Structures are given as structure tokens and as C-alpha cells.
Amino acid sequence: AFLVSYSVTVSGSYQVYIAVSGTPALGPIALTVYPWLPSSQNSMVAGLGASLAIAGESAQFRWRPRDQFGNLILKATFPTLPQFSFSPAGRIAAPSVASDGDGTIIATYLATVGGEYF
């Protein structure tokens, strides 16, 4: 018996073949690699609502989550949609999260009080 290990950093579908001294021994074996957890260094946030909102008006931003290797994390790999929180609490109403189907998460909220949030 042989122990083989490898590391895959690009998500996707692969075919694995095993050869001994150049002679095919086994395969193909289907291998699916999914992205890992979101990385703050590789994920992107876009939209005016990420940095500015007007009290009483709806604001929105988009989050494009990627893992530590830069792989896009699609909605299918999330068991549930992520939730966002704002600080200080109690000044944001009606936060909602949706997916546009291509891996982008859309966050919509309503700021009820002016000020700085983190």
C-alpha cells in the first residue's frame, strides 16, 4: 500500500489517474474541489452602501467572497446565506441578504440614524 498526498489550490472538477512506473494502474477518479472559507484579503466589497448611506433611505452593497487562494465562493457552497452586522447596534433597520446567483452576495439595509458605523 502507498500513501499519496497532494494539495489543490484551484477549485473545480478534476480527473485523477494513478500510474506505477509510467504504467496506468487506476483512473480516472472524479475529484471535485470546492473553495474554502471566505478570506477578507481576497474578497471584494463594492457599492456606495459600503461606505455611505442617507438616514431613512435604503442602501446597498455587494460582497464577492473568495477563499484564501482567490477562488470565487458560489452560493451553492454556502449552507445558508451570510448575515451582516453593524455597529453601533440598533441604528440599522431591515437588513436583508440575497444572492444574485453568480456568487455575489447583495446586502441591503436602512440607516435610521446619521453617524459613523463600523
PDB file of N, CA and C in Angstrom:
ATOM      1  N   ALA A   1       0.843  -1.184   0.000  1.00  0.00           N
ATOM      2  CA  ALA A   1       0.000   0.000   0.000  1.00  0.00           C
ATOM      3  C   ALA A   1       0.884   1.241   0.000  1.00  0.00           C
ATOM      4  N   PHE A   2       0.436   2.246  -0.704  1.00  0.00           N
ATOM      5  CA  PHE A   2       1.146   3.513  -0.792  1.00  0.00           C
ATOM      6  C   PHE A   2       0.243   4.628  -0.279  1.00  0.00           C
ATOM      7  N   LEU A   3       0.827   5.587   0.372  1.00  0.00           N
ATOM      8  CA  LEU A   3       0.094   6.768   0.823  1.00  0.00           C
ATOM      9  C   LEU A   3       0.499   7.925  -0.076  1.00  0.00           C
ATOM     10  N   VAL A   4      -0.477   8.536  -0.706  1.00  0.00           N
ATOM     11  CA  VAL A   4      -0.227   9.656  -1.606  1.00  0.00           C
ATOM     12  C   VAL A   4      -0.927  10.884  -1.050  1.00  0.00           C
ATOM     13  N   SER A   5      -0.246  12.010  -1.034  1.00  0.00           N
ATOM     14  CA  SER A   5      -0.890  13.254  -0.607  1.00  0.00           C
ATOM     15  C   SER A   5      -0.603  14.328  -1.653  1.00  0.00           C
ATOM     16  N   TYR A   6      -1.503  15.283  -1.728  1.00  0.00           N
ATOM     17  CA  TYR A   6      -1.359  16.375  -2.682  1.00  0.00           C
ATOM     18  C   TYR A   6      -2.150  17.558  -2.155  1.00  0.00           C
ATOM     19  N   SER A   7      -1.902  18.706  -2.714  1.00  0.00           N
ATOM     20  CA  SER A   7      -2.605  19.914  -2.312  1.00  0.00           C
ATOM     21  C   SER A   7      -3.143  20.598  -3.569  1.00  0.00           C
ATOM     22  N   VAL A   8      -4.442  20.894  -3.553  1.00  0.00           N
ATOM     23  CA  VAL A   8      -5.078  21.555  -4.692  1.00  0.00           C
ATOM     24  C   VAL A   8      -5.510  22.943  -4.234  1.00  0.00           C
ATOM     25  N   THR A   9      -5.138  23.967  -4.975  1.00  0.00           N
ATOM     26  CA  THR A   9      -5.485  25.339  -4.595  1.00  0.00           C
ATOM     27  C   THR A   9      -6.486  25.995  -5.533  1.00  0.00           C
ATOM     28  N   VAL A  10      -6.844  25.319  -6.617  1.00  0.00           N
ATOM     29  CA  VAL A  10      -7.802  25.869  -7.577  1.00  0.00           C
ATOM     30  C   VAL A  10      -9.045  24.988  -7.563  1.00  0.00           C
ATOM     31  N   SER A  11     -10.190  25.596  -7.217  1.00  0.00           N
ATOM     32  CA  SER A  11     -11.433  24.822  -7.174  1.00  0.00           C
ATOM     33  C   SER A  11     -11.843  24.411  -8.582  1.00  0.00           C
ATOM     34  N   GLY A  12     -12.576  23.302  -8.662  1.00  0.00           N
ATOM     35  CA  GLY A  12     -13.046  22.827  -9.954  1.00  0.00           C
ATOM     36  C   GLY A  12     -13.169  21.314  -9.970  1.00  0.00           C
ATOM     37  N   SER A  13     -13.412  20.777 -11.144  1.00  0.00           N
ATOM     38  CA  SER A  13     -13.546  19.333 -11.330  1.00  0.00           C
ATOM     39  C   SER A  13     -12.265  18.792 -11.942  1.00  0.00           C
ATOM     40  N   TYR A  14     -11.797  17.673 -11.425  1.00  0.00           N
ATOM     41  CA  TYR A  14     -10.554  17.059 -11.876  1.00  0.00           C
ATOM     42  C   TYR A  14     -10.764  15.573 -12.129  1.00  0.00           C
ATOM     43  N   GLN A  15      -9.886  14.993 -12.939  1.00  0.00           N
ATOM     44  CA  GLN A  15      -9.795  13.556 -13.134  1.00  0.00           C
ATOM     45  C   GLN A  15      -8.434  13.129 -12.592  1.00  0.00           C
ATOM     46  N   VAL A  16      -8.424  12.186 -11.663  1.00  0.00           N
ATOM     47  CA  VAL A  16      -7.187  11.726 -11.041  1.00  0.00           C
ATOM     48  C   VAL A  16      -6.829  10.356 -11.632  1.00  0.00           C
ATOM     49  N   TYR A  17      -5.588  10.224 -12.049  1.00  0.00           N
ATOM     50  CA  TYR A  17      -5.074   8.961 -12.574  1.00  0.00           C
ATOM     51  C   TYR A  17      -3.892   8.531 -11.723  1.00  0.00           C
ATOM     52  N   ILE A  18      -3.742   7.238 -11.546  1.00  0.00           N
ATOM     53  CA  ILE A  18      -2.600   6.701 -10.799  1.00  0.00           C
ATOM     54  C   ILE A  18      -1.816   5.807 -11.742  1.00  0.00           C
ATOM     55  N   ALA A  19      -0.496   6.028 -11.775  1.00  0.00           N
ATOM     56  CA  ALA A  19       0.394   5.218 -12.618  1.00  0.00           C
ATOM     57  C   ALA A  19       1.549   4.720 -11.760  1.00  0.00           C
ATOM     58  N   VAL A  20       2.024   3.541 -12.071  1.00  0.00           N
ATOM     59  CA  VAL A  20       3.188   2.963 -11.398  1.00  0.00           C
ATOM     60  C   VAL A  20       4.263   2.765 -12.453  1.00  0.00           C
ATOM     61  N   SER A  21       5.388   3.426 -12.266  1.00  0.00           N
ATOM     62  CA  SER A  21       6.493   3.377 -13.229  1.00  0.00           C
ATOM     63  C   SER A  21       6.023   3.716 -14.639  1.00  0.00           C
ATOM     64  N   GLY A  22       5.090   4.687 -14.723  1.00  0.00           N
ATOM     65  CA  GLY A  22       4.599   5.140 -16.012  1.00  0.00           C
ATOM     66  C   GLY A  22       3.490   4.301 -16.605  1.00  0.00           C
ATOM     67  N   THR A  23       3.123   3.218 -15.936  1.00  0.00           N
ATOM     68  CA  THR A  23       2.055   2.355 -16.430  1.00  0.00           C
ATOM     69  C   THR A  23       0.765   2.679 -15.691  1.00  0.00           C
ATOM     70  N   PRO A  24      -0.317   3.000 -16.423  1.00  0.00           N
ATOM     71  CA  PRO A  24      -1.583   3.303 -15.755  1.00  0.00           C
ATOM     72  C   PRO A  24      -2.034   2.152 -14.857  1.00  0.00           C
ATOM     73  N   ALA A  25      -2.430   2.507 -13.628  1.00  0.00           N
ATOM     74  CA  ALA A  25      -2.869   1.498 -12.665  1.00  0.00           C
ATOM     75  C   ALA A  25      -4.312   1.706 -12.232  1.00  0.00           C
ATOM     76  N   LEU A  26      -4.748   2.956 -12.222  1.00  0.00           N
ATOM     77  CA  LEU A  26      -6.101   3.242 -11.775  1.00  0.00           C
ATOM     78  C   LEU A  26      -6.529   4.603 -12.309  1.00  0.00           C
ATOM     79  N   GLY A  27      -7.801   4.705 -12.632  1.00  0.00           N
ATOM     80  CA  GLY A  27      -8.321   6.000 -13.031  1.00  0.00           C
ATOM     81  C   GLY A  27      -9.138   5.904 -14.281  1.00  0.00           C
ATOM     82  N   PRO A  28      -9.846   6.912 -14.622  1.00  0.00           N
ATOM     83  CA  PRO A  28      -9.870   8.170 -13.862  1.00  0.00           C
ATOM     84  C   PRO A  28     -10.799   8.099 -12.656  1.00  0.00           C
ATOM     85  N   ILE A  29     -10.445   8.868 -11.633  1.00  0.00           N
ATOM     86  CA  ILE A  29     -11.261   9.044 -10.441  1.00  0.00           C
ATOM     87  C   ILE A  29     -11.715  10.502 -10.450  1.00  0.00           C
ATOM     88  N   ALA A  30     -13.024  10.717 -10.350  1.00  0.00           N
ATOM     89  CA  ALA A  30     -13.558  12.088 -10.367  1.00  0.00           C
ATOM     90  C   ALA A  30     -13.280  12.752  -9.016  1.00  0.00           C
ATOM     91  N   LEU A  31     -12.758  13.955  -9.072  1.00  0.00           N
ATOM     92  CA  LEU A  31     -12.456  14.728  -7.861  1.00  0.00           C
ATOM     93  C   LEU A  31     -13.040  16.129  -8.034  1.00  0.00           C
ATOM     94  N   THR A  32     -13.851  16.557  -7.089  1.00  0.00           N
ATOM     95  CA  THR A  32     -14.390  17.915  -7.099  1.00  0.00           C
ATOM     96  C   THR A  32     -13.788  18.673  -5.926  1.00  0.00           C
ATOM     97  N   VAL A  33     -13.199  19.823  -6.215  1.00  0.00           N
ATOM     98  CA  VAL A  33     -12.578  20.660  -5.185  1.00  0.00           C
ATOM     99  C   VAL A  33     -13.407  21.932  -5.036  1.00  0.00           C
ATOM    100  N   TYR A  34     -13.888  22.179  -3.816  1.00  0.00           N
ATOM    101  CA  TYR A  34     -14.686  23.363  -3.525  1.00  0.00           C
ATOM    102  C   TYR A  34     -13.823  24.425  -2.863  1.00  0.00           C
ATOM    103  N   PRO A  35     -14.193  25.697  -3.011  1.00  0.00           N
ATOM    104  CA  PRO A  35     -13.467  26.759  -2.310  1.00  0.00           C
ATOM    105  C   PRO A  35     -13.571  26.570  -0.797  1.00  0.00           C
ATOM    106  N   TRP A  36     -12.639  27.150  -0.069  1.00  0.00           N
ATOM    107  CA  TRP A  36     -12.625  27.084   1.374  1.00  0.00           C
ATOM    108  C   TRP A  36     -13.379  28.285   1.928  1.00  0.00           C
ATOM    109  N   LEU A  37     -13.163  28.618   3.169  1.00  0.00           N
ATOM    110  CA  LEU A  37     -13.862  29.726   3.823  1.00  0.00           C
ATOM    111  C   LEU A  37     -13.481  31.073   3.212  1.00  0.00           C
ATOM    112  N   PRO A  38     -14.370  32.062   3.311  1.00  0.00           N
ATOM    113  CA  PRO A  38     -14.054  33.389   2.761  1.00  0.00           C
ATOM    114  C   PRO A  38     -12.825  34.010   3.416  1.00  0.00           C
ATOM    115  N   SER A  39     -12.041  34.688   2.622  1.00  0.00           N
ATOM    116  CA  SER A  39     -10.843  35.387   3.085  1.00  0.00           C
ATOM    117  C   SER A  39     -11.068  36.890   2.927  1.00  0.00           C
ATOM    118  N   SER A  40     -10.839  37.637   3.999  1.00  0.00           N
ATOM    119  CA  SER A  40     -11.032  39.090   3.915  1.00  0.00           C
ATOM    120  C   SER A  40     -10.011  39.735   2.977  1.00  0.00           C
ATOM    121  N   GLN A  41      -8.837  39.138   2.814  1.00  0.00           N
ATOM    122  CA  GLN A  41      -7.822  39.703   1.923  1.00  0.00           C
ATOM    123  C   GLN A  41      -8.198  39.537   0.452  1.00  0.00           C
ATOM    124  N   ASN A  42      -8.942  38.493   0.110  1.00  0.00           N
ATOM    125  CA  ASN A  42      -9.247  38.215  -1.297  1.00  0.00           C
ATOM    126  C   ASN A  42     -10.673  38.547  -1.708  1.00  0.00           C
ATOM    127  N   SER A  43     -11.565  38.743  -0.753  1.00  0.00           N
ATOM    128  CA  SER A  43     -12.951  39.065  -1.069  1.00  0.00           C
ATOM    129  C   SER A  43     -13.060  40.549  -1.420  1.00  0.00           C
ATOM    130  N   MET A  44     -14.095  40.894  -2.177  1.00  0.00           N
ATOM    131  CA  MET A  44     -14.268  42.282  -2.604  1.00  0.00           C
ATOM    132  C   MET A  44     -15.638  42.810  -2.176  1.00  0.00           C
ATOM    133  N   VAL A  45     -15.663  44.063  -1.766  1.00  0.00           N
ATOM    134  CA  VAL A  45     -16.913  44.750  -1.445  1.00  0.00           C
ATOM    135  C   VAL A  45     -17.027  45.935  -2.394  1.00  0.00           C
ATOM    136  N   ALA A  46     -18.212  46.117  -2.966  1.00  0.00           N
ATOM    137  CA  ALA A  46     -18.421  47.220  -3.900  1.00  0.00           C
ATOM    138  C   ALA A  46     -19.803  47.812  -3.683  1.00  0.00           C
ATOM    139  N   GLY A  47     -19.957  49.034  -4.066  1.00  0.00           N
ATOM    140  CA  GLY A  47     -21.249  49.709  -3.969  1.00  0.00           C
ATOM    141  C   GLY A  47     -21.200  50.851  -2.980  1.00  0.00           C
ATOM    142  N   LEU A  48     -21.954  51.875  -3.269  1.00  0.00           N
ATOM    143  CA  LEU A  48     -21.971  53.075  -2.440  1.00  0.00           C
ATOM    144  C   LEU A  48     -22.370  52.777  -0.999  1.00  0.00           C
ATOM    145  N   GLY A  49     -23.290  51.834  -0.793  1.00  0.00           N
ATOM    146  CA  GLY A  49     -23.763  51.499   0.541  1.00  0.00           C
ATOM    147  C   GLY A  49     -22.709  50.884   1.445  1.00  0.00           C
ATOM    148  N   ALA A  50     -21.535  50.539   0.897  1.00  0.00           N
ATOM    149  CA  ALA A  50     -20.446  50.019   1.721  1.00  0.00           C
ATOM    150  C   ALA A  50     -19.768  51.135   2.509  1.00  0.00           C
ATOM    151  N   SER A  51     -19.924  52.374   2.051  1.00  0.00           N
ATOM    152  CA  SER A  51     -19.239  53.477   2.741  1.00  0.00           C
ATOM    153  C   SER A  51     -20.121  54.695   3.011  1.00  0.00           C
ATOM    154  N   LEU A  52     -21.343  54.707   2.444  1.00  0.00           N
ATOM    155  CA  LEU A  52     -22.190  55.875   2.608  1.00  0.00           C
ATOM    156  C   LEU A  52     -23.661  55.477   2.569  1.00  0.00           C
ATOM    157  N   ALA A  53     -24.435  56.057   3.473  1.00  0.00           N
ATOM    158  CA  ALA A  53     -25.888  55.855   3.466  1.00  0.00           C
ATOM    159  C   ALA A  53     -26.540  57.148   3.933  1.00  0.00           C
ATOM    160  N   ILE A  54     -27.780  57.348   3.556  1.00  0.00           N
ATOM    161  CA  ILE A  54     -28.555  58.508   3.992  1.00  0.00           C
ATOM    162  C   ILE A  54     -29.658  57.992   4.905  1.00  0.00           C
ATOM    163  N   ALA A  55     -29.747  58.567   6.110  1.00  0.00           N
ATOM    164  CA  ALA A  55     -30.755  58.127   7.074  1.00  0.00           C
ATOM    165  C   ALA A  55     -32.137  58.164   6.439  1.00  0.00           C
ATOM    166  N   GLY A  56     -32.867  57.065   6.569  1.00  0.00           N
ATOM    167  CA  GLY A  56     -34.213  56.983   6.032  1.00  0.00           C
ATOM    168  C   GLY A  56     -34.306  56.459   4.607  1.00  0.00           C
ATOM    169  N   GLU A  57     -33.157  56.250   3.948  1.00  0.00           N
ATOM    170  CA  GLU A  57     -33.160  55.729   2.580  1.00  0.00           C
ATOM    171  C   GLU A  57     -32.439  54.388   2.536  1.00  0.00           C
ATOM    172  N   SER A  58     -32.915  53.520   1.681  1.00  0.00           N
ATOM    173  CA  SER A  58     -32.321  52.201   1.521  1.00  0.00           C
ATOM    174  C   SER A  58     -30.916  52.325   0.922  1.00  0.00           C
ATOM    175  N   ALA A  59     -29.984  51.505   1.409  1.00  0.00           N
ATOM    176  CA  ALA A  59     -28.612  51.482   0.888  1.00  0.00           C
ATOM    177  C   ALA A  59     -28.248  50.035   0.572  1.00  0.00           C
ATOM    178  N   GLN A  60     -27.295  49.864  -0.318  1.00  0.00           N
ATOM    179  CA  GLN A  60     -26.944  48.515  -0.757  1.00  0.00           C
ATOM    180  C   GLN A  60     -25.460  48.427  -1.084  1.00  0.00           C
ATOM    181  N   PHE A  61     -24.894  47.243  -0.821  1.00  0.00           N
ATOM    182  CA  PHE A  61     -23.546  46.946  -1.280  1.00  0.00           C
ATOM    183  C   PHE A  61     -23.479  45.482  -1.675  1.00  0.00           C
ATOM    184  N   ARG A  62     -22.439  45.147  -2.437  1.00  0.00           N
ATOM    185  CA  ARG A  62     -22.243  43.772  -2.909  1.00  0.00           C
ATOM    186  C   ARG A  62     -20.948  43.220  -2.344  1.00  0.00           C
ATOM    187  N   TRP A  63     -20.994  41.956  -1.975  1.00  0.00           N
ATOM    188  CA  TRP A  63     -19.827  41.262  -1.434  1.00  0.00           C
ATOM    189  C   TRP A  63     -19.535  40.080  -2.332  1.00  0.00           C
ATOM    190  N   ARG A  64     -18.329  40.021  -2.844  1.00  0.00           N
ATOM    191  CA  ARG A  64     -17.897  38.919  -3.720  1.00  0.00           C
ATOM    192  C   ARG A  64     -16.891  38.078  -2.928  1.00  0.00           C
ATOM    193  N   PRO A  65     -17.373  37.012  -2.239  1.00  0.00           N
ATOM    194  CA  PRO A  65     -16.471  36.233  -1.382  1.00  0.00           C
ATOM    195  C   PRO A  65     -15.532  35.322  -2.172  1.00  0.00           C
ATOM    196  N   ARG A  66     -14.271  35.347  -1.782  1.00  0.00           N
ATOM    197  CA  ARG A  66     -13.246  34.454  -2.352  1.00  0.00           C
ATOM    198  C   ARG A  66     -12.469  33.823  -1.207  1.00  0.00           C
ATOM    199  N   ASP A  67     -11.944  32.628  -1.448  1.00  0.00           N
ATOM    200  CA  ASP A  67     -11.175  31.944  -0.409  1.00  0.00           C
ATOM    201  C   ASP A  67      -9.729  32.425  -0.404  1.00  0.00           C
ATOM    202  N   GLN A  68      -8.897  31.804   0.426  1.00  0.00           N
ATOM    203  CA  GLN A  68      -7.506  32.240   0.571  1.00  0.00           C
ATOM    204  C   GLN A  68      -6.688  32.093  -0.708  1.00  0.00           C
ATOM    205  N   PHE A  69      -7.171  31.290  -1.662  1.00  0.00           N
ATOM    206  CA  PHE A  69      -6.466  31.099  -2.923  1.00  0.00           C
ATOM    207  C   PHE A  69      -7.074  31.921  -4.054  1.00  0.00           C
ATOM    208  N   GLY A  70      -8.104  32.711  -3.752  1.00  0.00           N
ATOM    209  CA  GLY A  70      -8.732  33.554  -4.755  1.00  0.00           C
ATOM    210  C   GLY A  70      -9.883  32.896  -5.494  1.00  0.00           C
ATOM    211  N   ASN A  71     -10.292  31.686  -5.084  1.00  0.00           N
ATOM    212  CA  ASN A  71     -11.416  31.009  -5.725  1.00  0.00           C
ATOM    213  C   ASN A  71     -12.723  31.683  -5.324  1.00  0.00           C
ATOM    214  N   LEU A  72     -13.578  31.956  -6.297  1.00  0.00           N
ATOM    215  CA  LEU A  72     -14.886  32.538  -6.026  1.00  0.00           C
ATOM    216  C   LEU A  72     -15.748  31.526  -5.289  1.00  0.00           C
ATOM    217  N   ILE A  73     -16.369  31.957  -4.200  1.00  0.00           N
ATOM    218  CA  ILE A  73     -17.245  31.080  -3.425  1.00  0.00           C
ATOM    219  C   ILE A  73     -18.665  31.305  -3.913  1.00  0.00           C
ATOM    220  N   LEU A  74     -19.220  30.310  -4.560  1.00  0.00           N
ATOM    221  CA  LEU A  74     -20.568  30.406  -5.098  1.00  0.00           C
ATOM    222  C   LEU A  74     -21.596  30.127  -4.015  1.00  0.00           C
ATOM    223  N   LYS A  75     -22.815  30.592  -4.222  1.00  0.00           N
ATOM    224  CA  LYS A  75     -23.889  30.395  -3.252  1.00  0.00           C
ATOM    225  C   LYS A  75     -24.060  28.918  -2.915  1.00  0.00           C
ATOM    226  N   ALA A  76     -23.864  28.042  -3.877  1.00  0.00           N
ATOM    227  CA  ALA A  76     -24.069  26.610  -3.664  1.00  0.00           C
ATOM    228  C   ALA A  76     -23.147  26.049  -2.584  1.00  0.00           C
ATOM    229  N   THR A  77     -22.012  26.708  -2.317  1.00  0.00           N
ATOM    230  CA  THR A  77     -21.097  26.192  -1.305  1.00  0.00           C
ATOM    231  C   THR A  77     -21.393  26.754   0.074  1.00  0.00           C
ATOM    232  N   PHE A  78     -22.296  27.736   0.173  1.00  0.00           N
ATOM    233  CA  PHE A  78     -22.737  28.252   1.467  1.00  0.00           C
ATOM    234  C   PHE A  78     -23.942  27.436   1.924  1.00  0.00           C
ATOM    235  N   PRO A  79     -23.921  26.873   3.139  1.00  0.00           N
ATOM    236  CA  PRO A  79     -25.118  26.170   3.613  1.00  0.00           C
ATOM    237  C   PRO A  79     -26.294  27.139   3.785  1.00  0.00           C
ATOM    238  N   THR A  80     -26.019  28.355   4.202  1.00  0.00           N
ATOM    239  CA  THR A  80     -27.017  29.420   4.292  1.00  0.00           C
ATOM    240  C   THR A  80     -26.337  30.709   3.869  1.00  0.00           C
ATOM    241  N   LEU A  81     -27.125  31.707   3.533  1.00  0.00           N
ATOM    242  CA  LEU A  81     -26.543  32.996   3.166  1.00  0.00           C
ATOM    243  C   LEU A  81     -25.920  33.639   4.401  1.00  0.00           C
ATOM    244  N   PRO A  82     -24.797  34.336   4.248  1.00  0.00           N
ATOM    245  CA  PRO A  82     -24.182  35.007   5.395  1.00  0.00           C
ATOM    246  C   PRO A  82     -25.056  36.143   5.911  1.00  0.00           C
ATOM    247  N   GLN A  83     -24.810  36.534   7.154  1.00  0.00           N
ATOM    248  CA  GLN A  83     -25.510  37.671   7.735  1.00  0.00           C
ATOM    249  C   GLN A  83     -24.490  38.756   8.039  1.00  0.00           C
ATOM    250  N   PHE A  84     -24.929  39.995   7.967  1.00  0.00           N
ATOM    251  CA  PHE A  84     -24.057  41.129   8.249  1.00  0.00           C
ATOM    252  C   PHE A  84     -24.545  41.810   9.514  1.00  0.00           C
ATOM    253  N   SER A  85     -23.606  42.371  10.266  1.00  0.00           N
ATOM    254  CA  SER A  85     -23.993  43.137  11.449  1.00  0.00           C
ATOM    255  C   SER A  85     -23.345  44.514  11.368  1.00  0.00           C
ATOM    256  N   PHE A  86     -23.951  45.456  12.038  1.00  0.00           N
ATOM    257  CA  PHE A  86     -23.473  46.833  12.021  1.00  0.00           C
ATOM    258  C   PHE A  86     -23.269  47.288  13.459  1.00  0.00           C
ATOM    259  N   SER A  87     -22.330  48.177  13.652  1.00  0.00           N
ATOM    260  CA  SER A  87     -22.068  48.713  14.979  1.00  0.00           C
ATOM    261  C   SER A  87     -22.015  50.236  14.880  1.00  0.00           C
ATOM    262  N   PRO A  88     -22.653  50.992  15.771  1.00  0.00           N
ATOM    263  CA  PRO A  88     -23.403  50.521  16.940  1.00  0.00           C
ATOM    264  C   PRO A  88     -24.741  49.892  16.549  1.00  0.00           C
ATOM    265  N   ALA A  89     -25.162  48.925  17.322  1.00  0.00           N
ATOM    266  CA  ALA A  89     -26.401  48.198  17.047  1.00  0.00           C
ATOM    267  C   ALA A  89     -27.611  49.101  17.248  1.00  0.00           C
ATOM    268  N   GLY A  90     -28.720  48.738  16.617  1.00  0.00           N
ATOM    269  CA  GLY A  90     -29.970  49.465  16.793  1.00  0.00           C
ATOM    270  C   GLY A  90     -30.167  50.651  15.885  1.00  0.00           C
ATOM    271  N   ARG A  91     -29.181  50.971  15.068  1.00  0.00           N
ATOM    272  CA  ARG A  91     -29.312  52.126  14.172  1.00  0.00           C
ATOM    273  C   ARG A  91     -29.533  51.718  12.720  1.00  0.00           C
ATOM    274  N   ILE A  92     -29.625  50.437  12.493  1.00  0.00           N
ATOM    275  CA  ILE A  92     -29.850  49.918  11.154  1.00  0.00           C
ATOM    276  C   ILE A  92     -31.130  49.110  11.173  1.00  0.00           C
ATOM    277  N   ALA A  93     -32.024  49.375  10.247  1.00  0.00           N
ATOM    278  CA  ALA A  93     -33.298  48.656  10.171  1.00  0.00           C
ATOM    279  C   ALA A  93     -33.359  47.863   8.876  1.00  0.00           C
ATOM    280  N   ALA A  94     -34.134  46.818   8.906  1.00  0.00           N
ATOM    281  CA  ALA A  94     -34.451  45.997   7.733  1.00  0.00           C
ATOM    282  C   ALA A  94     -33.229  45.496   6.972  1.00  0.00           C
ATOM    283  N   PRO A  95     -32.215  44.935   7.668  1.00  0.00           N
ATOM    284  CA  PRO A  95     -31.103  44.376   6.894  1.00  0.00           C
ATOM    285  C   PRO A  95     -31.571  43.111   6.169  1.00  0.00           C
ATOM    286  N   SER A  96     -31.175  42.964   4.919  1.00  0.00           N
ATOM    287  CA  SER A  96     -31.516  41.749   4.177  1.00  0.00           C
ATOM    288  C   SER A  96     -30.328  41.335   3.326  1.00  0.00           C
ATOM    289  N   VAL A  97     -30.239  40.044   3.066  1.00  0.00           N
ATOM    290  CA  VAL A  97     -29.144  39.498   2.281  1.00  0.00           C
ATOM    291  C   VAL A  97     -29.741  38.592   1.211  1.00  0.00           C
ATOM    292  N   ALA A  98     -29.244  38.716  -0.007  1.00  0.00           N
ATOM    293  CA  ALA A  98     -29.695  37.876  -1.113  1.00  0.00           C
ATOM    294  C   ALA A  98     -28.484  37.524  -1.971  1.00  0.00           C
ATOM    295  N   SER A  99     -28.667  36.566  -2.849  1.00  0.00           N
ATOM    296  CA  SER A  99     -27.613  36.187  -3.779  1.00  0.00           C
ATOM    297  C   SER A  99     -28.095  36.460  -5.191  1.00  0.00           C
ATOM    298  N   ASP A 100     -27.193  36.927  -6.045  1.00  0.00           N
ATOM    299  CA  ASP A 100     -27.609  37.156  -7.428  1.00  0.00           C
ATOM    300  C   ASP A 100     -27.371  35.919  -8.292  1.00  0.00           C
ATOM    301  N   GLY A 101     -26.936  34.831  -7.674  1.00  0.00           N
ATOM    302  CA  GLY A 101     -26.779  33.568  -8.384  1.00  0.00           C
ATOM    303  C   GLY A 101     -25.403  33.302  -8.952  1.00  0.00           C
ATOM    304  N   ASP A 102     -24.548  34.323  -9.054  1.00  0.00           N
ATOM    305  CA  ASP A 102     -23.206  34.099  -9.605  1.00  0.00           C
ATOM    306  C   ASP A 102     -22.119  34.148  -8.533  1.00  0.00           C
ATOM    307  N   GLY A 103     -22.525  34.113  -7.268  1.00  0.00           N
ATOM    308  CA  GLY A 103     -21.554  34.147  -6.182  1.00  0.00           C
ATOM    309  C   GLY A 103     -21.509  35.484  -5.466  1.00  0.00           C
ATOM    310  N   THR A 104     -22.171  36.492  -5.999  1.00  0.00           N
ATOM    311  CA  THR A 104     -22.190  37.802  -5.362  1.00  0.00           C
ATOM    312  C   THR A 104     -23.324  37.860  -4.343  1.00  0.00           C
ATOM    313  N   ILE A 105     -23.007  38.320  -3.140  1.00  0.00           N
ATOM    314  CA  ILE A 105     -23.988  38.487  -2.077  1.00  0.00           C
ATOM    315  C   ILE A 105     -24.390  39.958  -2.058  1.00  0.00           C
ATOM    316  N   ILE A 106     -25.693  40.229  -2.041  1.00  0.00           N
ATOM    317  CA  ILE A 106     -26.210  41.602  -2.047  1.00  0.00           C
ATOM    318  C   ILE A 106     -26.794  41.903  -0.674  1.00  0.00           C
ATOM    319  N   ALA A 107     -26.258  42.908  -0.012  1.00  0.00           N
ATOM    320  CA  ALA A 107     -26.758  43.326   1.308  1.00  0.00           C
ATOM    321  C   ALA A 107     -27.478  44.656   1.157  1.00  0.00           C
ATOM    322  N   THR A 108     -28.690  44.724   1.682  1.00  0.00           N
ATOM    323  CA  THR A 108     -29.493  45.936   1.650  1.00  0.00           C
ATOM    324  C   THR A 108     -29.880  46.287   3.076  1.00  0.00           C
ATOM    325  N   TYR A 109     -29.861  47.561   3.406  1.00  0.00           N
ATOM    326  CA  TYR A 109     -30.199  47.992   4.767  1.00  0.00           C
ATOM    327  C   TYR A 109     -30.750  49.411   4.748  1.00  0.00           C
ATOM    328  N   LEU A 110     -31.284  49.809   5.888  1.00  0.00           N
ATOM    329  CA  LEU A 110     -31.828  51.147   6.051  1.00  0.00           C
ATOM    330  C   LEU A 110     -31.195  51.756   7.299  1.00  0.00           C
ATOM    331  N   ALA A 111     -30.420  52.817   7.120  1.00  0.00           N
ATOM    332  CA  ALA A 111     -29.849  53.525   8.266  1.00  0.00           C
ATOM    333  C   ALA A 111     -30.933  54.438   8.845  1.00  0.00           C
ATOM    334  N   THR A 112     -31.163  54.350  10.152  1.00  0.00           N
ATOM    335  CA  THR A 112     -32.215  55.146  10.774  1.00  0.00           C
ATOM    336  C   THR A 112     -31.674  56.370  11.511  1.00  0.00           C
ATOM    337  N   VAL A 113     -30.368  56.390  11.771  1.00  0.00           N
ATOM    338  CA  VAL A 113     -29.740  57.498  12.491  1.00  0.00           C
ATOM    339  C   VAL A 113     -28.427  57.827  11.790  1.00  0.00           C
ATOM    340  N   GLY A 114     -28.153  59.114  11.598  1.00  0.00           N
ATOM    341  CA  GLY A 114     -26.886  59.519  10.997  1.00  0.00           C
ATOM    342  C   GLY A 114     -25.737  59.273  11.944  1.00  0.00           C
ATOM    343  N   GLY A 115     -24.535  59.126  11.424  1.00  0.00           N
ATOM    344  CA  GLY A 115     -23.344  58.919  12.234  1.00  0.00           C
ATOM    345  C   GLY A 115     -22.386  57.950  11.557  1.00  0.00           C
ATOM    346  N   GLU A 116     -21.278  57.637  12.268  1.00  0.00           N
ATOM    347  CA  GLU A 116     -20.307  56.697  11.743  1.00  0.00           C
ATOM    348  C   GLU A 116     -20.608  55.310  12.273  1.00  0.00           C
ATOM    349  N   TYR A 117     -20.485  54.323  11.373  1.00  0.00           N
ATOM    350  CA  TYR A 117     -20.705  52.918  11.710  1.00  0.00           C
ATOM    351  C   TYR A 117     -19.461  52.136  11.343  1.00  0.00           C
ATOM    352  N   PHE A 118     -19.234  51.052  12.041  1.00  0.00           N
ATOM    353  CA  PHE A 118     -18.028  50.248  11.780  1.00  0.00           C
ATOM    354  C   PHE A 118     -18.403  48.803  11.581  1.00  0.00           C
TER     355      PHE A 118
END
